[in-house]
Amino acid sequence: MNSTYKNILAIAAILIGFQSISVAQVKIGDNPTNIAPGSALEIESTDKGLRMPQVALTSTTTFAPITGVGTDASSIGMHVFNTSSAIASGIASNGKAYPAAGIGEYYWDGFGWVSSSVQSGSGGFSLVWAGYSPGPFNYVNNLPGSDLNATETFDTFNANTGGVFTVPVDGYYNIAQNFMVDLVGSGAGNFNSSIVITSFSTGVPESRIANNTGSVNGNRTYSLGNTLTVKLFTGDLVKFTVQPCNGCSGSNYRVRLVSQTIGLFQ
């Protein structure tokens, strides 16, 4: 058998081997011969895990530093473990907001990086803003409404906003406010809390919801809460207000344990 013929046979064997590999199932780890029929790749271990590529992402809407542009069909489903706590939230070309959740796993859906650990609330809302303040905040009765802005603790789009949230993208939002009210002294009247939305297009503030305690008496504690689901538009402003006891005499109020959240329906 001459060398040329041997070389042809060797190349044929290699090609056949590659073809076998391309259609075969692959099992890594324990029990390598026992693989589920539907698995293309399977990993089994009782003391080892799968470590994703460690990548420092800059923005949820920027495919880099992964090679490519991200719009190719082969890019969809790309998984990485983001190592950068400074990853920024963004709005992709599809008009959808992609909240950042810091360090953790993300996958690319063709437009942006989707965090597997983004903070979610009930009803499919992803938390995009939150504030909390222990208080107490003291108010005098019969005053007009006052802003009640909790200390910002979480914001994926508008950091350091002082309690006023600017809507980053058109969509449905869930807005909630909860706090405790202590009536100090005597008297009776009404105590109101409101979620105020200012339209970007008109610039007109509008109180969308208000809770009224009805008749309140001295030296009692009340728990108030507002929840609103509403369609908002880019540039709209959201803030929270309270109106101390209206019609009371000889009474003061203090507000404490203020919790405010805004979620975007995904």
Protein backbone atom coordinates (compact mmCIF):
# COMPACT_ATOMS: atom_id res chain seq x y z
CA MET A 1 0.00 0.00 0.00
CA ASN A 2 1.61 3.26 -1.08
CA SER A 3 1.85 6.35 1.09
CA THR A 4 -0.71 8.30 -0.95
CA TYR A 5 -3.37 5.63 -0.40
CA LYS A 6 -2.56 5.50 3.29
CA ASN A 7 -2.99 9.24 3.55
CA ILE A 8 -6.38 9.07 1.83
CA LEU A 9 -7.56 6.39 4.27
CA ALA A 10 -6.32 8.42 7.24
CA ILE A 11 -8.15 11.53 6.07
CA ALA A 12 -11.34 9.51 5.50
CA ALA A 13 -11.12 8.07 9.00
CA ILE A 14 -10.70 11.54 10.50
CA LEU A 15 -13.68 12.88 8.55
CA ILE A 16 -15.83 9.94 9.65
CA GLY A 17 -14.75 10.60 13.23
CA PHE A 18 -15.70 14.26 13.01
CA GLN A 19 -19.08 13.33 11.56
CA SER A 20 -19.68 10.95 14.46
CA ILE A 21 -18.79 13.63 16.96
CA SER A 22 -21.11 16.15 15.34
CA VAL A 23 -24.17 13.94 15.76
CA ALA A 24 -23.23 12.25 19.05
CA GLN A 25 -24.42 13.10 22.50
CA VAL A 26 -21.82 14.30 24.97
CA LYS A 27 -21.78 13.46 28.69
CA ILE A 28 -19.29 15.07 31.08
CA GLY A 29 -18.67 13.98 34.66
CA ASP A 30 -20.23 11.03 36.48
CA ASN A 31 -21.80 8.07 34.66
CA PRO A 32 -20.60 9.13 31.19
CA THR A 33 -22.41 6.28 29.42
CA ASN A 34 -25.78 7.06 31.00
CA ILE A 35 -27.19 10.07 29.14
CA ALA A 36 -30.76 11.25 28.72
CA PRO A 37 -32.13 10.64 25.20
CA GLY A 38 -32.93 14.33 24.66
CA SER A 39 -29.58 15.69 25.82
CA ALA A 40 -27.05 17.08 23.37
CA LEU A 41 -24.76 17.96 26.26
CA GLU A 42 -25.19 16.65 29.81
CA ILE A 43 -23.19 17.25 32.98
CA GLU A 44 -23.54 15.07 36.05
CA SER A 45 -21.73 15.57 39.35
CA THR A 46 -22.50 15.48 43.04
CA ASP A 47 -19.67 17.85 44.05
CA LYS A 48 -18.91 20.06 41.03
CA GLY A 49 -20.77 22.81 39.20
CA LEU A 50 -20.86 24.59 35.85
CA ARG A 51 -18.90 27.85 35.82
CA MET A 52 -20.04 30.41 33.27
CA PRO A 53 -17.53 32.67 31.47
CA GLN A 54 -16.58 35.62 33.70
CA VAL A 55 -17.28 38.81 31.73
CA ALA A 56 -17.37 42.46 32.85
CA LEU A 57 -20.48 43.84 31.10
CA THR A 58 -20.83 47.62 30.82
CA SER A 59 -24.51 47.94 29.93
CA THR A 60 -27.52 45.69 29.59
CA THR A 61 -27.95 46.91 26.01
CA THR A 62 -24.32 46.58 24.88
CA PHE A 63 -23.22 43.17 23.56
CA ALA A 64 -19.50 43.93 24.00
CA PRO A 65 -17.08 42.81 25.30
CA ILE A 66 -18.49 39.58 23.84
CA THR A 67 -17.25 39.25 20.27
CA GLY A 68 -19.78 40.16 17.58
CA VAL A 69 -22.63 42.63 17.34
CA GLY A 70 -25.32 40.66 19.15
CA THR A 71 -27.92 40.94 16.40
CA ASP A 72 -26.99 37.68 14.70
CA ALA A 73 -29.31 34.76 15.42
CA SER A 74 -26.36 32.80 16.79
CA SER A 75 -25.96 35.39 19.56
CA ILE A 76 -29.40 34.78 21.07
CA GLY A 77 -29.17 32.69 24.22
CA MET A 78 -25.57 33.68 25.03
CA HIS A 79 -24.98 33.23 28.78
CA VAL A 80 -22.30 34.91 30.89
CA PHE A 81 -21.57 35.66 34.52
CA ASN A 82 -21.22 39.44 34.81
CA THR A 83 -18.42 40.48 37.18
CA SER A 84 -19.05 44.25 37.09
CA SER A 85 -21.19 45.88 39.77
CA ALA A 86 -21.24 49.04 37.64
CA ILE A 87 -23.28 47.52 34.79
CA ALA A 88 -25.79 50.14 33.62
CA SER A 89 -29.46 49.67 32.81
CA GLY A 90 -30.62 50.64 29.35
CA ILE A 91 -33.42 50.78 26.81
CA ALA A 92 -32.80 48.65 23.71
CA SER A 93 -33.78 49.27 20.09
CA ASN A 94 -36.96 47.26 20.65
CA GLY A 95 -38.13 49.92 23.15
CA LYS A 96 -37.89 47.53 26.08
CA ALA A 97 -36.15 48.44 29.32
CA TYR A 98 -33.44 46.06 30.53
CA PRO A 99 -32.88 46.57 34.26
CA ALA A 100 -29.42 45.81 35.65
CA ALA A 101 -29.04 43.75 38.80
CA GLY A 102 -25.32 44.09 39.40
CA ILE A 103 -23.05 41.07 39.54
CA GLY A 104 -24.66 37.81 38.43
CA GLU A 105 -25.79 35.70 35.49
CA TYR A 106 -27.23 37.30 32.33
CA TYR A 107 -28.37 36.00 28.96
CA TRP A 108 -28.65 37.87 25.65
CA ASP A 109 -32.12 37.82 24.02
CA GLY A 110 -31.11 39.51 20.78
CA PHE A 111 -31.60 43.07 22.07
CA GLY A 112 -30.23 43.18 25.60
CA TRP A 113 -28.82 41.31 28.56
CA VAL A 114 -31.53 39.82 30.79
CA SER A 115 -30.55 39.31 34.40
CA SER A 116 -31.50 36.02 35.99
CA SER A 117 -31.59 37.72 39.37
CA VAL A 118 -33.47 40.95 38.61
CA GLN A 119 -35.64 41.88 41.55
CA SER A 120 -39.22 40.94 40.81
CA GLY A 121 -42.46 41.60 42.56
CA SER A 122 -45.86 39.96 42.24
CA GLY A 123 -47.80 40.19 39.01
CA GLY A 124 -44.74 40.13 36.74
CA PHE A 125 -43.39 43.54 37.77
CA SER A 126 -39.65 44.05 38.00
CA LEU A 127 -38.60 46.48 40.71
CA VAL A 128 -37.01 49.57 39.14
CA TRP A 129 -37.16 52.02 42.07
CA ALA A 130 -37.47 51.70 45.83
CA GLY A 131 -37.20 54.00 48.82
CA TYR A 132 -37.33 53.56 52.56
CA SER A 133 -37.11 55.91 55.55
CA PRO A 134 -37.68 55.01 59.20
CA GLY A 135 -38.76 58.57 60.11
CA PRO A 136 -40.41 59.96 62.05
CA PHE A 137 -41.54 62.96 59.99
CA ASN A 138 -43.60 65.44 61.99
CA TYR A 139 -46.47 67.40 60.47
CA VAL A 140 -48.79 70.05 61.81
CA ASN A 141 -52.50 69.63 61.20
CA ASN A 142 -54.41 71.49 58.48
CA LEU A 143 -51.33 72.01 56.31
CA PRO A 144 -51.57 71.51 52.52
CA GLY A 145 -50.11 68.38 51.02
CA SER A 146 -46.38 67.86 51.46
CA ASP A 147 -43.93 65.66 49.58
CA LEU A 148 -43.18 62.40 51.35
CA ASN A 149 -40.01 61.22 49.67
CA ALA A 150 -38.35 58.18 51.18
CA THR A 151 -34.59 57.79 50.96
CA GLU A 152 -33.78 56.16 47.63
CA THR A 153 -32.42 52.63 48.17
CA PHE A 154 -32.69 51.12 44.67
CA ASP A 155 -32.91 52.70 41.23
CA THR A 156 -32.00 51.07 37.93
CA PHE A 157 -32.52 54.16 35.76
CA ASN A 158 -32.45 57.44 37.72
CA ALA A 159 -29.96 57.27 40.56
CA ASN A 160 -29.96 60.03 43.19
CA THR A 161 -33.30 61.50 42.18
CA GLY A 162 -34.31 62.69 45.65
CA GLY A 163 -37.45 60.59 45.66
CA VAL A 164 -38.92 61.78 42.34
CA PHE A 165 -38.94 59.01 39.72
CA THR A 166 -38.65 59.85 36.02
CA VAL A 167 -40.34 57.23 33.82
CA PRO A 168 -37.63 55.78 31.54
CA VAL A 169 -39.84 54.02 28.96
CA ASP A 170 -43.51 53.73 28.00
CA GLY A 171 -45.17 50.88 29.83
CA TYR A 172 -47.39 49.70 32.67
CA TYR A 173 -46.09 50.44 36.15
CA ASN A 174 -47.02 49.29 39.62
CA ILE A 175 -46.60 52.03 42.25
CA ALA A 176 -46.97 51.42 45.97
CA GLN A 177 -46.59 53.42 49.19
CA ASN A 178 -46.94 52.22 52.78
CA PHE A 179 -46.28 53.93 56.11
CA MET A 180 -47.44 54.26 59.70
CA VAL A 181 -49.20 57.37 61.02
CA ASP A 182 -49.21 58.35 64.69
CA LEU A 183 -51.76 60.92 65.86
CA VAL A 184 -50.29 62.74 68.84
CA GLY A 185 -52.78 64.59 71.04
CA SER A 186 -56.51 65.08 70.75
CA GLY A 187 -58.70 65.88 67.78
CA ALA A 188 -60.37 64.18 64.83
CA GLY A 189 -60.25 64.57 61.08
CA ASN A 190 -58.98 63.09 57.82
CA PHE A 191 -55.47 62.07 56.81
CA ASN A 192 -54.70 61.61 53.10
CA SER A 193 -51.78 60.12 51.17
CA SER A 194 -51.38 60.43 47.41
CA ILE A 195 -49.34 59.19 44.48
CA VAL A 196 -48.79 62.21 42.24
CA ILE A 197 -47.99 61.78 38.54
CA THR A 198 -46.91 64.73 36.41
CA SER A 199 -47.42 64.17 32.70
CA PHE A 200 -44.36 64.92 30.55
CA SER A 201 -46.58 66.07 27.68
CA THR A 202 -48.75 68.50 29.69
CA GLY A 203 -46.65 69.27 32.77
CA VAL A 204 -49.80 69.04 34.91
CA PRO A 205 -49.52 67.17 38.25
CA GLU A 206 -52.37 64.76 38.96
CA SER A 207 -53.09 62.86 42.17
CA ARG A 208 -54.02 59.43 40.88
CA ILE A 209 -54.94 57.83 44.19
CA ALA A 210 -55.48 58.87 47.80
CA ASN A 211 -56.30 56.92 50.95
CA ASN A 212 -58.50 58.56 53.53
CA THR A 213 -58.50 57.34 57.13
CA GLY A 214 -61.93 58.87 57.77
CA SER A 215 -62.52 60.03 61.31
CA VAL A 216 -59.37 59.67 63.44
CA ASN A 217 -58.99 60.26 67.15
CA GLY A 218 -56.07 61.30 69.33
CA ASN A 219 -53.23 59.04 70.47
CA ARG A 220 -53.77 56.31 67.90
CA THR A 221 -51.62 54.71 65.19
CA TYR A 222 -52.85 54.07 61.66
CA SER A 223 -51.32 52.13 58.77
CA LEU A 224 -51.81 53.64 55.31
CA GLY A 225 -51.07 52.12 51.93
CA ASN A 226 -51.60 53.01 48.27
CA THR A 227 -51.14 50.70 45.30
CA LEU A 228 -51.65 51.81 41.71
CA THR A 229 -51.16 50.07 38.36
CA VAL A 230 -51.13 52.57 35.51
CA LYS A 231 -49.84 53.18 31.99
CA LEU A 232 -47.06 55.79 32.08
CA PHE A 233 -45.05 57.46 29.35
CA THR A 234 -41.40 58.37 28.97
CA GLY A 235 -40.59 61.51 30.93
CA ASP A 236 -43.58 61.36 33.28
CA LEU A 237 -42.71 62.12 36.93
CA VAL A 238 -43.86 60.12 39.95
CA LYS A 239 -43.72 61.33 43.55
CA PHE A 240 -45.53 60.70 46.82
CA THR A 241 -47.34 63.21 49.06
CA VAL A 242 -49.25 63.31 52.33
CA GLN A 243 -51.73 65.78 53.78
CA PRO A 244 -51.75 65.93 57.57
CA CYS A 245 -55.02 65.91 59.46
CA ASN A 246 -57.52 68.13 57.65
CA GLY A 247 -60.03 69.67 60.03
CA CYS A 248 -58.21 68.65 63.21
CA SER A 249 -57.51 71.05 66.04
CA GLY A 250 -54.88 70.67 68.74
CA SER A 251 -53.25 67.65 67.04
CA ASN A 252 -49.98 66.84 65.36
CA TYR A 253 -49.05 63.85 63.24
CA ARG A 254 -45.88 61.92 62.69
CA VAL A 255 -45.21 59.56 59.79
CA ARG A 256 -42.71 56.68 60.09
CA LEU A 257 -41.59 53.44 58.43
CA VAL A 258 -42.09 54.86 54.93
CA SER A 259 -41.74 52.28 52.12
CA GLN A 260 -42.22 53.25 48.47
CA THR A 261 -41.71 51.08 45.36
CA ILE A 262 -42.14 51.36 41.60
CA GLY A 263 -42.18 48.31 39.34
CA LEU A 264 -42.21 47.99 35.55
CA PHE A 265 -44.30 45.26 33.96
CA GLN A 266 -42.01 43.04 31.87
